[in-house]
């Protein structure tokens, strides 16, 4: 699922836990939710693993809005 769907379904507390496990912060993840940034490939893989595959790699890589 996309970062936005993950956050909507799971809320901030669980999302923050996944961020910590992945070595990132909630505020950085929030930029993915809002389509302002996309994670590095390495971080996307860590987020997918930390979320037990609930987050989708392709959705993470496509979360940035088109310019």
C-alpha atoms as a PDB file:
ATOM      1  CA  UNK A   1       0.000   0.000   0.000  1.00  0.00           C
ATOM      2  CA  UNK A   2       1.027   3.588  -0.477  1.00  0.00           C
ATOM      3  CA  UNK A   3       2.521   5.712   2.321  1.00  0.00           C
ATOM      4  CA  UNK A   4      -0.691   7.756   2.508  1.00  0.00           C
ATOM      5  CA  UNK A   5      -2.887   4.646   2.756  1.00  0.00           C
ATOM      6  CA  UNK A   6      -0.560   3.127   5.355  1.00  0.00           C
ATOM      7  CA  UNK A   7      -0.740   6.246   7.505  1.00  0.00           C
ATOM      8  CA  UNK A   8      -4.519   6.538   7.109  1.00  0.00           C
ATOM      9  CA  UNK A   9      -5.067   2.895   8.064  1.00  0.00           C
ATOM     10  CA  UNK A  10      -2.507   2.623  10.877  1.00  0.00           C
ATOM     11  CA  UNK A  11      -2.241   6.112  12.368  1.00  0.00           C
ATOM     12  CA  UNK A  12       0.730   8.081  13.518  1.00  0.00           C
ATOM     13  CA  UNK A  13       1.943   5.857  16.368  1.00  0.00           C
ATOM     14  CA  UNK A  14       2.395   2.725  14.251  1.00  0.00           C
ATOM     15  CA  UNK A  15       3.801   4.785  11.399  1.00  0.00           C
ATOM     16  CA  UNK A  16       6.376   6.330  13.749  1.00  0.00           C
ATOM     17  CA  UNK A  17       7.354   2.831  14.931  1.00  0.00           C
ATOM     18  CA  UNK A  18       7.963   1.745  11.333  1.00  0.00           C
ATOM     19  CA  UNK A  19       9.991   4.893  10.730  1.00  0.00           C
ATOM     20  CA  UNK A  20      12.192   4.233  13.752  1.00  0.00           C
ATOM     21  CA  UNK A  21      12.777   0.621  12.680  1.00  0.00           C
ATOM     22  CA  UNK A  22      13.781   1.907   9.249  1.00  0.00           C
ATOM     23  CA  UNK A  23      16.131   4.587  10.526  1.00  0.00           C
ATOM     24  CA  UNK A  24      14.065   7.583   9.466  1.00  0.00           C
ATOM     25  CA  UNK A  25      11.771  10.098  11.122  1.00  0.00           C
ATOM     26  CA  UNK A  26       8.033  10.710  11.037  1.00  0.00           C
ATOM     27  CA  UNK A  27       8.562  14.173   9.524  1.00  0.00           C
ATOM     28  CA  UNK A  28      10.580  12.707   6.629  1.00  0.00           C
ATOM     29  CA  UNK A  29       7.975   9.956   6.069  1.00  0.00           C
ATOM     30  CA  UNK A  30       5.254  12.602   6.111  1.00  0.00           C
ATOM     31  CA  UNK A  31       6.849  14.133   3.021  1.00  0.00           C
ATOM     32  CA  UNK A  32       6.219  10.813   1.222  1.00  0.00           C
ATOM     33  CA  UNK A  33       2.607  10.842   2.455  1.00  0.00           C
ATOM     34  CA  UNK A  34       2.118  14.360   1.056  1.00  0.00           C
ATOM     35  CA  UNK A  35       3.894  13.575  -2.230  1.00  0.00           C
ATOM     36  CA  UNK A  36       6.700  16.065  -1.629  1.00  0.00           C
ATOM     37  CA  UNK A  37       9.585  13.581  -1.729  1.00  0.00           C
ATOM     38  CA  UNK A  38      10.364   9.991  -2.437  1.00  0.00           C
ATOM     39  CA  UNK A  39      12.700   7.799  -0.395  1.00  0.00           C
ATOM     40  CA  UNK A  40      15.973   6.379  -1.589  1.00  0.00           C
ATOM     41  CA  UNK A  41      15.825   2.806  -2.839  1.00  0.00           C
ATOM     42  CA  UNK A  42      17.621   1.695   0.337  1.00  0.00           C
ATOM     43  CA  UNK A  43      15.143   3.452   2.625  1.00  0.00           C
ATOM     44  CA  UNK A  44      12.163   2.171   0.637  1.00  0.00           C
ATOM     45  CA  UNK A  45      13.418  -1.403   1.093  1.00  0.00           C
ATOM     46  CA  UNK A  46      13.853  -0.816   4.840  1.00  0.00           C
ATOM     47  CA  UNK A  47      10.331   0.640   5.123  1.00  0.00           C
ATOM     48  CA  UNK A  48       8.817  -2.327   3.281  1.00  0.00           C
ATOM     49  CA  UNK A  49      10.641  -4.788   5.546  1.00  0.00           C
ATOM     50  CA  UNK A  50       9.823  -2.869   8.744  1.00  0.00           C
ATOM     51  CA  UNK A  51       6.139  -2.787   7.787  1.00  0.00           C
ATOM     52  CA  UNK A  52       6.086  -6.552   7.132  1.00  0.00           C
ATOM     53  CA  UNK A  53       5.369  -5.811   3.449  1.00  0.00           C
ATOM     54  CA  UNK A  54       2.350  -3.629   4.195  1.00  0.00           C
ATOM     55  CA  UNK A  55       4.083  -0.722   2.458  1.00  0.00           C
ATOM     56  CA  UNK A  56       4.585  -1.292  -1.255  1.00  0.00           C
ATOM     57  CA  UNK A  57       8.003  -0.631  -2.794  1.00  0.00           C
ATOM     58  CA  UNK A  58       6.568   0.601  -6.098  1.00  0.00           C
ATOM     59  CA  UNK A  59       4.152   2.958  -4.330  1.00  0.00           C
ATOM     60  CA  UNK A  60       6.999   4.361  -2.256  1.00  0.00           C
ATOM     61  CA  UNK A  61       9.090   4.984  -5.371  1.00  0.00           C
ATOM     62  CA  UNK A  62       6.161   6.693  -7.125  1.00  0.00           C
ATOM     63  CA  UNK A  63       4.942   8.851  -4.252  1.00  0.00           C
ATOM     64  CA  UNK A  64       6.491  12.131  -5.424  1.00  0.00           C
ATOM     65  CA  UNK A  65       4.175  14.410  -7.365  1.00  0.00           C
ATOM     66  CA  UNK A  66       5.048  15.049 -10.957  1.00  0.00           C
ATOM     67  CA  UNK A  67       6.682  18.437 -11.458  1.00  0.00           C
END
